[in-house]
N, C-alpha and C. Protein backbone atom coordinates (compact mmCIF):
# COMPACT_ATOMS: atom_id res chain seq x y z
N MET A 1 -112.26 -123.25 59.08
CA MET A 1 -112.17 -124.57 58.51
C MET A 1 -110.87 -125.25 58.94
N LYS A 2 -109.83 -124.44 58.99
CA LYS A 2 -108.53 -124.96 59.38
C LYS A 2 -108.56 -125.46 60.83
N HIS A 3 -109.24 -124.73 61.71
CA HIS A 3 -109.34 -125.12 63.12
C HIS A 3 -110.14 -126.40 63.30
N ILE A 4 -111.14 -126.59 62.48
CA ILE A 4 -111.95 -127.80 62.55
C ILE A 4 -111.11 -129.01 62.14
N GLY A 5 -110.29 -128.87 61.13
CA GLY A 5 -109.43 -129.96 60.67
C GLY A 5 -108.39 -130.34 61.73
N ILE A 6 -107.81 -129.33 62.36
CA ILE A 6 -106.81 -129.58 63.41
C ILE A 6 -107.48 -130.24 64.62
N SER A 7 -108.66 -129.74 64.97
CA SER A 7 -109.38 -130.31 66.11
C SER A 7 -109.78 -131.76 65.84
N LEU A 8 -110.21 -132.04 64.62
CA LEU A 8 -110.59 -133.40 64.25
C LEU A 8 -109.37 -134.33 64.27
N ALA A 9 -108.25 -133.85 63.77
CA ALA A 9 -107.02 -134.66 63.78
C ALA A 9 -106.57 -134.93 65.22
N LEU A 10 -106.66 -133.92 66.07
CA LEU A 10 -106.29 -134.09 67.47
C LEU A 10 -107.22 -135.09 68.17
N LEU A 11 -108.48 -135.01 67.87
CA LEU A 11 -109.45 -135.95 68.43
C LEU A 11 -109.16 -137.38 67.98
N LEU A 12 -108.79 -137.58 66.74
CA LEU A 12 -108.45 -138.91 66.24
C LEU A 12 -107.18 -139.46 66.91
N VAL A 13 -106.20 -138.60 67.15
CA VAL A 13 -104.97 -139.03 67.82
C VAL A 13 -105.27 -139.45 69.26
N ILE A 14 -106.09 -138.68 69.95
CA ILE A 14 -106.46 -139.01 71.33
C ILE A 14 -107.24 -140.32 71.38
N ALA A 15 -108.13 -140.52 70.44
CA ALA A 15 -108.91 -141.75 70.38
C ALA A 15 -108.00 -142.95 70.10
N ALA A 16 -107.04 -142.78 69.21
CA ALA A 16 -106.11 -143.88 68.89
C ALA A 16 -105.24 -144.22 70.09
N LEU A 17 -104.78 -143.21 70.84
CA LEU A 17 -103.96 -143.46 72.01
C LEU A 17 -104.74 -144.16 73.11
N SER A 18 -106.01 -143.82 73.24
CA SER A 18 -106.81 -144.47 74.28
C SER A 18 -107.05 -145.95 73.96
N LEU A 19 -107.04 -146.34 72.70
CA LEU A 19 -107.18 -147.74 72.35
C LEU A 19 -105.96 -148.55 72.76
N PHE A 20 -104.78 -147.94 72.67
CA PHE A 20 -103.55 -148.65 73.00
C PHE A 20 -103.22 -148.59 74.49
N ALA A 21 -103.86 -147.73 75.23
CA ALA A 21 -103.58 -147.58 76.66
C ALA A 21 -104.58 -148.38 77.48
N GLN A 22 -104.66 -149.67 77.20
CA GLN A 22 -105.58 -150.53 77.93
C GLN A 22 -105.02 -150.89 79.28
N ASN A 23 -105.89 -151.13 80.22
CA ASN A 23 -105.47 -151.55 81.55
C ASN A 23 -105.84 -153.02 81.72
N PHE A 24 -104.83 -153.88 81.79
CA PHE A 24 -105.08 -155.30 81.92
C PHE A 24 -105.22 -155.66 83.39
N GLU A 25 -106.27 -156.39 83.73
CA GLU A 25 -106.54 -156.73 85.12
C GLU A 25 -105.69 -157.89 85.61
N ASN A 26 -105.23 -158.75 84.73
CA ASN A 26 -104.48 -159.93 85.15
C ASN A 26 -102.98 -159.71 85.20
N GLU A 27 -102.55 -158.47 85.05
CA GLU A 27 -101.13 -158.18 85.14
C GLU A 27 -100.66 -158.32 86.59
N SER A 28 -99.51 -158.90 86.77
CA SER A 28 -98.93 -158.96 88.11
C SER A 28 -97.71 -158.05 88.12
N GLU A 29 -97.51 -157.43 89.24
CA GLU A 29 -96.38 -156.56 89.40
C GLU A 29 -95.18 -157.39 89.84
N ILE A 30 -94.11 -157.36 89.06
CA ILE A 30 -92.87 -158.05 89.42
C ILE A 30 -91.88 -156.98 89.88
N TYR A 31 -91.38 -157.17 91.09
CA TYR A 31 -90.46 -156.21 91.68
C TYR A 31 -89.14 -156.91 91.96
N PRO A 32 -88.07 -156.59 91.21
CA PRO A 32 -86.77 -157.19 91.51
C PRO A 32 -86.00 -156.35 92.53
N LYS A 33 -85.28 -157.01 93.41
CA LYS A 33 -84.44 -156.34 94.40
C LYS A 33 -83.06 -156.98 94.33
N THR A 34 -82.05 -156.20 93.95
CA THR A 34 -80.71 -156.71 93.76
C THR A 34 -79.80 -156.25 94.88
N LEU A 35 -79.00 -157.18 95.41
CA LEU A 35 -78.05 -156.88 96.48
C LEU A 35 -76.70 -157.48 96.14
N GLN A 36 -75.64 -156.79 96.51
CA GLN A 36 -74.29 -157.31 96.31
C GLN A 36 -74.03 -158.45 97.27
N VAL A 37 -73.28 -159.43 96.83
CA VAL A 37 -72.91 -160.57 97.66
C VAL A 37 -71.49 -160.34 98.17
N ALA A 38 -71.34 -160.47 99.48
CA ALA A 38 -70.02 -160.30 100.09
C ALA A 38 -69.22 -161.59 100.00
N GLN A 39 -69.88 -162.72 100.26
CA GLN A 39 -69.17 -164.00 100.28
C GLN A 39 -70.17 -165.14 100.19
N VAL A 40 -69.74 -166.23 99.59
CA VAL A 40 -70.54 -167.44 99.50
C VAL A 40 -69.72 -168.57 100.11
N SER A 41 -70.33 -169.34 100.99
CA SER A 41 -69.66 -170.48 101.61
C SER A 41 -70.42 -171.76 101.28
N ARG A 42 -69.67 -172.76 100.89
CA ARG A 42 -70.28 -174.05 100.52
C ARG A 42 -70.40 -174.96 101.75
N HIS A 43 -71.44 -175.77 101.71
CA HIS A 43 -71.69 -176.76 102.74
C HIS A 43 -72.31 -177.96 102.05
N ALA A 44 -72.24 -179.11 102.66
CA ALA A 44 -72.84 -180.30 102.05
C ALA A 44 -74.35 -180.15 101.87
N ASP A 45 -75.00 -179.33 102.70
CA ASP A 45 -76.45 -179.15 102.63
C ASP A 45 -76.88 -177.98 101.76
N GLY A 46 -75.95 -177.11 101.34
CA GLY A 46 -76.32 -175.96 100.52
C GLY A 46 -75.28 -174.86 100.54
N LEU A 47 -75.75 -173.63 100.39
CA LEU A 47 -74.88 -172.47 100.35
C LEU A 47 -75.27 -171.47 101.43
N ARG A 48 -74.27 -170.85 102.02
CA ARG A 48 -74.50 -169.70 102.88
C ARG A 48 -74.08 -168.48 102.09
N VAL A 49 -75.05 -167.59 101.82
CA VAL A 49 -74.79 -166.40 101.02
C VAL A 49 -74.84 -165.18 101.95
N ASP A 50 -73.72 -164.52 102.08
CA ASP A 50 -73.65 -163.28 102.86
C ASP A 50 -73.80 -162.11 101.89
N TYR A 51 -74.87 -161.35 102.06
CA TYR A 51 -75.16 -160.24 101.16
C TYR A 51 -75.11 -158.92 101.94
N ILE A 52 -74.95 -157.83 101.21
CA ILE A 52 -74.85 -156.51 101.83
C ILE A 52 -76.21 -155.85 101.78
N ARG A 53 -76.73 -155.51 102.96
CA ARG A 53 -78.04 -154.87 103.08
C ARG A 53 -77.95 -153.39 102.67
N GLN A 54 -79.11 -152.75 102.64
CA GLN A 54 -79.18 -151.33 102.29
C GLN A 54 -78.45 -150.45 103.28
N ASN A 55 -78.37 -150.85 104.54
CA ASN A 55 -77.69 -150.05 105.55
C ASN A 55 -76.23 -150.48 105.72
N TYR A 56 -75.70 -151.21 104.73
CA TYR A 56 -74.30 -151.64 104.66
C TYR A 56 -73.89 -152.62 105.75
N THR A 57 -74.84 -153.33 106.31
CA THR A 57 -74.53 -154.44 107.21
C THR A 57 -74.67 -155.73 106.40
N VAL A 58 -74.21 -156.82 106.96
CA VAL A 58 -74.23 -158.09 106.24
C VAL A 58 -75.40 -158.94 106.71
N GLY A 59 -76.17 -159.40 105.75
CA GLY A 59 -77.26 -160.34 106.02
C GLY A 59 -76.86 -161.71 105.48
N THR A 60 -77.48 -162.75 105.99
CA THR A 60 -77.14 -164.11 105.58
C THR A 60 -78.37 -164.85 105.09
N LEU A 61 -78.21 -165.50 103.95
CA LEU A 61 -79.24 -166.37 103.39
C LEU A 61 -78.69 -167.79 103.41
N TRP A 62 -79.38 -168.66 104.11
CA TRP A 62 -79.02 -170.08 104.14
C TRP A 62 -79.88 -170.77 103.09
N ALA A 63 -79.27 -171.22 102.00
CA ALA A 63 -80.00 -171.77 100.86
C ALA A 63 -79.70 -173.27 100.72
N PRO A 64 -80.66 -174.13 101.03
CA PRO A 64 -80.42 -175.57 100.86
C PRO A 64 -80.30 -175.95 99.38
N ASN A 65 -79.62 -177.03 99.12
CA ASN A 65 -79.39 -177.48 97.75
C ASN A 65 -80.68 -177.71 96.98
N GLU A 66 -81.75 -178.10 97.66
CA GLU A 66 -83.02 -178.39 96.99
C GLU A 66 -83.62 -177.15 96.33
N TRP A 67 -83.24 -175.96 96.77
CA TRP A 67 -83.76 -174.73 96.15
C TRP A 67 -83.18 -174.51 94.76
N PHE A 68 -82.15 -175.26 94.38
CA PHE A 68 -81.49 -175.07 93.08
C PHE A 68 -81.58 -176.29 92.18
N ASN A 69 -82.29 -177.35 92.58
CA ASN A 69 -82.24 -178.63 91.88
C ASN A 69 -82.98 -178.71 90.56
N SER A 70 -84.09 -178.03 90.40
CA SER A 70 -84.90 -178.20 89.20
C SER A 70 -85.31 -176.83 88.65
N PRO A 71 -85.80 -176.80 87.40
CA PRO A 71 -86.23 -175.52 86.83
C PRO A 71 -87.39 -174.87 87.59
N GLU A 72 -88.18 -175.66 88.31
CA GLU A 72 -89.30 -175.12 89.07
C GLU A 72 -88.88 -174.65 90.46
N SER A 73 -87.62 -174.80 90.78
CA SER A 73 -87.13 -174.44 92.12
C SER A 73 -87.18 -172.93 92.32
N ILE A 74 -87.09 -172.53 93.58
CA ILE A 74 -87.18 -171.12 93.93
C ILE A 74 -85.87 -170.37 93.65
N GLY A 75 -84.75 -171.10 93.54
CA GLY A 75 -83.46 -170.47 93.32
C GLY A 75 -82.78 -170.93 92.05
N GLU A 76 -81.99 -170.03 91.47
CA GLU A 76 -81.19 -170.35 90.29
C GLU A 76 -79.80 -169.78 90.50
N ILE A 77 -78.80 -170.47 89.96
CA ILE A 77 -77.43 -169.97 90.01
C ILE A 77 -76.94 -169.77 88.58
N PHE A 78 -76.39 -168.59 88.32
CA PHE A 78 -75.80 -168.29 87.02
C PHE A 78 -74.33 -167.97 87.23
N TYR A 79 -73.50 -168.56 86.38
CA TYR A 79 -72.07 -168.27 86.42
C TYR A 79 -71.70 -167.43 85.21
N GLY A 80 -70.83 -166.45 85.42
CA GLY A 80 -70.40 -165.60 84.33
C GLY A 80 -69.14 -164.86 84.72
N ASN A 81 -68.75 -163.91 83.89
CA ASN A 81 -67.53 -163.18 84.17
C ASN A 81 -67.72 -161.67 84.09
N LYS A 82 -68.90 -161.20 84.43
CA LYS A 82 -69.16 -159.77 84.40
C LYS A 82 -68.61 -159.10 85.65
N ARG A 83 -68.33 -157.82 85.56
CA ARG A 83 -67.74 -157.08 86.67
C ARG A 83 -68.63 -157.02 87.91
N ALA A 84 -69.93 -156.99 87.71
CA ALA A 84 -70.87 -156.84 88.83
C ALA A 84 -70.99 -158.10 89.68
N TYR A 85 -70.54 -159.23 89.16
CA TYR A 85 -70.66 -160.48 89.92
C TYR A 85 -69.75 -160.42 91.12
N PRO A 86 -70.09 -160.96 92.25
CA PRO A 86 -71.29 -161.71 92.59
C PRO A 86 -72.40 -160.79 93.13
N TYR A 87 -73.64 -161.12 92.80
CA TYR A 87 -74.80 -160.44 93.36
C TYR A 87 -75.98 -161.39 93.35
N ILE A 88 -77.04 -160.98 94.04
CA ILE A 88 -78.25 -161.80 94.13
C ILE A 88 -79.45 -160.90 93.86
N THR A 89 -80.40 -161.41 93.09
CA THR A 89 -81.62 -160.66 92.79
C THR A 89 -82.82 -161.47 93.27
N PHE A 90 -83.64 -160.83 94.08
CA PHE A 90 -84.88 -161.44 94.58
C PHE A 90 -86.03 -160.87 93.76
N TYR A 91 -86.95 -161.71 93.32
CA TYR A 91 -88.10 -161.29 92.52
C TYR A 91 -89.37 -161.48 93.33
N PHE A 92 -90.08 -160.39 93.51
CA PHE A 92 -91.33 -160.39 94.27
C PHE A 92 -92.49 -160.22 93.29
N VAL A 93 -93.51 -161.05 93.45
CA VAL A 93 -94.73 -160.96 92.64
C VAL A 93 -95.88 -160.71 93.60
N ASP A 94 -96.57 -159.61 93.41
CA ASP A 94 -97.69 -159.21 94.26
C ASP A 94 -97.30 -159.17 95.74
N GLY A 95 -96.08 -158.72 96.01
CA GLY A 95 -95.63 -158.52 97.38
C GLY A 95 -95.01 -159.73 98.05
N ALA A 96 -95.02 -160.89 97.40
CA ALA A 96 -94.46 -162.11 98.00
C ALA A 96 -93.26 -162.57 97.17
N LEU A 97 -92.26 -163.12 97.84
CA LEU A 97 -91.08 -163.61 97.14
C LEU A 97 -91.45 -164.76 96.22
N ASP A 98 -91.12 -164.63 94.95
CA ASP A 98 -91.43 -165.66 93.96
C ASP A 98 -90.22 -166.55 93.69
N HIS A 99 -89.06 -165.94 93.44
CA HIS A 99 -87.83 -166.69 93.21
C HIS A 99 -86.64 -165.75 93.34
N PHE A 100 -85.44 -166.34 93.34
CA PHE A 100 -84.23 -165.52 93.37
C PHE A 100 -83.19 -166.12 92.45
N ARG A 101 -82.26 -165.26 92.02
CA ARG A 101 -81.16 -165.68 91.16
C ARG A 101 -79.85 -165.22 91.78
N LEU A 102 -78.93 -166.15 91.88
CA LEU A 102 -77.62 -165.89 92.42
C LEU A 102 -76.63 -165.87 91.27
N TYR A 103 -75.94 -164.76 91.09
CA TYR A 103 -75.00 -164.59 89.99
C TYR A 103 -73.58 -164.66 90.57
N LEU A 104 -72.83 -165.68 90.15
CA LEU A 104 -71.49 -165.89 90.67
C LEU A 104 -70.48 -165.83 89.54
N SER A 105 -69.30 -165.36 89.87
CA SER A 105 -68.23 -165.25 88.89
C SER A 105 -67.56 -166.61 88.70
N ASP A 106 -67.29 -166.96 87.46
CA ASP A 106 -66.57 -168.21 87.23
C ASP A 106 -65.07 -168.00 87.24
N ARG A 107 -64.62 -166.75 87.42
CA ARG A 107 -63.19 -166.45 87.48
C ARG A 107 -62.69 -166.08 88.86
N ASN A 108 -63.56 -165.52 89.68
CA ASN A 108 -63.15 -164.95 90.96
C ASN A 108 -63.32 -165.97 92.09
N ALA A 109 -62.23 -166.58 92.49
CA ALA A 109 -62.29 -167.55 93.57
C ALA A 109 -62.44 -166.88 94.93
N ASN A 110 -62.21 -165.56 95.01
CA ASN A 110 -62.31 -164.84 96.29
C ASN A 110 -63.74 -164.71 96.79
N GLN A 111 -64.73 -164.93 95.93
CA GLN A 111 -66.12 -164.81 96.37
C GLN A 111 -66.52 -165.97 97.27
N PHE A 112 -65.77 -167.06 97.24
CA PHE A 112 -66.08 -168.23 98.05
C PHE A 112 -65.23 -168.22 99.31
N GLY A 113 -65.89 -168.39 100.44
CA GLY A 113 -65.19 -168.50 101.71
C GLY A 113 -64.79 -169.94 101.94
N ASP A 114 -64.26 -170.19 103.10
CA ASP A 114 -63.88 -171.56 103.47
C ASP A 114 -65.13 -172.43 103.54
N PRO A 115 -65.02 -173.69 103.15
CA PRO A 115 -66.18 -174.59 103.28
C PRO A 115 -66.60 -174.70 104.75
N LEU A 116 -67.89 -174.77 104.97
CA LEU A 116 -68.42 -174.85 106.33
C LEU A 116 -68.37 -176.29 106.82
N ASP A 117 -68.13 -176.46 108.10
CA ASP A 117 -68.12 -177.81 108.65
C ASP A 117 -69.56 -178.26 108.96
N SER A 118 -69.71 -179.46 109.43
CA SER A 118 -71.04 -180.05 109.62
C SER A 118 -71.84 -179.40 110.75
N ASP A 119 -71.22 -178.58 111.57
CA ASP A 119 -71.95 -177.93 112.68
C ASP A 119 -73.05 -176.99 112.19
N TYR A 120 -73.01 -176.59 110.94
CA TYR A 120 -73.97 -175.63 110.42
C TYR A 120 -75.21 -176.27 109.78
N SER A 121 -75.34 -177.56 109.85
CA SER A 121 -76.47 -178.25 109.21
C SER A 121 -77.82 -177.76 109.72
N ALA A 122 -77.91 -177.41 110.98
CA ALA A 122 -79.18 -176.97 111.57
C ALA A 122 -79.60 -175.58 111.08
N LYS A 123 -78.69 -174.82 110.49
CA LYS A 123 -79.00 -173.47 110.02
C LYS A 123 -79.84 -173.47 108.74
N PHE A 124 -79.75 -174.53 107.95
CA PHE A 124 -80.44 -174.57 106.67
C PHE A 124 -81.93 -174.84 106.88
N PRO A 125 -82.80 -174.04 106.26
CA PRO A 125 -84.25 -174.24 106.42
C PRO A 125 -84.71 -175.47 105.62
N PRO A 126 -85.92 -175.94 105.88
CA PRO A 126 -86.45 -177.06 105.10
C PRO A 126 -86.59 -176.67 103.63
N ALA A 127 -86.50 -177.63 102.76
CA ALA A 127 -86.56 -177.38 101.32
C ALA A 127 -87.91 -176.80 100.89
N GLU A 128 -88.97 -177.10 101.65
CA GLU A 128 -90.31 -176.62 101.28
C GLU A 128 -90.54 -175.16 101.66
N SER A 129 -89.67 -174.60 102.46
CA SER A 129 -89.85 -173.22 102.92
C SER A 129 -89.40 -172.23 101.85
N THR A 130 -89.75 -170.98 102.06
CA THR A 130 -89.29 -169.90 101.19
C THR A 130 -88.28 -169.05 101.95
N PRO A 131 -87.36 -168.44 101.23
CA PRO A 131 -86.34 -167.63 101.92
C PRO A 131 -86.96 -166.44 102.64
N GLU A 132 -86.38 -166.13 103.79
CA GLU A 132 -86.77 -164.93 104.53
C GLU A 132 -85.61 -163.94 104.42
N ILE A 133 -85.89 -162.82 103.80
CA ILE A 133 -84.85 -161.85 103.48
C ILE A 133 -85.06 -160.60 104.32
N ASP A 134 -83.96 -160.10 104.85
CA ASP A 134 -83.98 -158.85 105.61
C ASP A 134 -83.12 -157.85 104.86
N PHE A 135 -83.77 -156.85 104.28
CA PHE A 135 -83.05 -155.85 103.49
C PHE A 135 -82.49 -154.78 104.38
């Protein structure tokens, strides 16, 4: 009798767990990828962000100002005073880049390089494009 009670209780626990372990079909996988920022340079057309790749080489993201203008934009800038700043996080949804966030220190002036002159205007992609990142 004791074994039947334990078996019944175990069966009820398994049944209750299976109710809570539903698989939702409309879930999207969000994959964040965070990289340290070596330097940020300002330009009249946007920002040049030099980030450190996984193999410790420097990659460059040319981000036009339009990517940061509105809440629906692909880029966001956050200022703060945490030790990890500056860094950049790219968010991928279903394998495609959805948006990115650039975290900059409001205390550390060393993260900014010299302002770029007008010769770099051709480097910035069109505002309608999405960033191409090389990790």
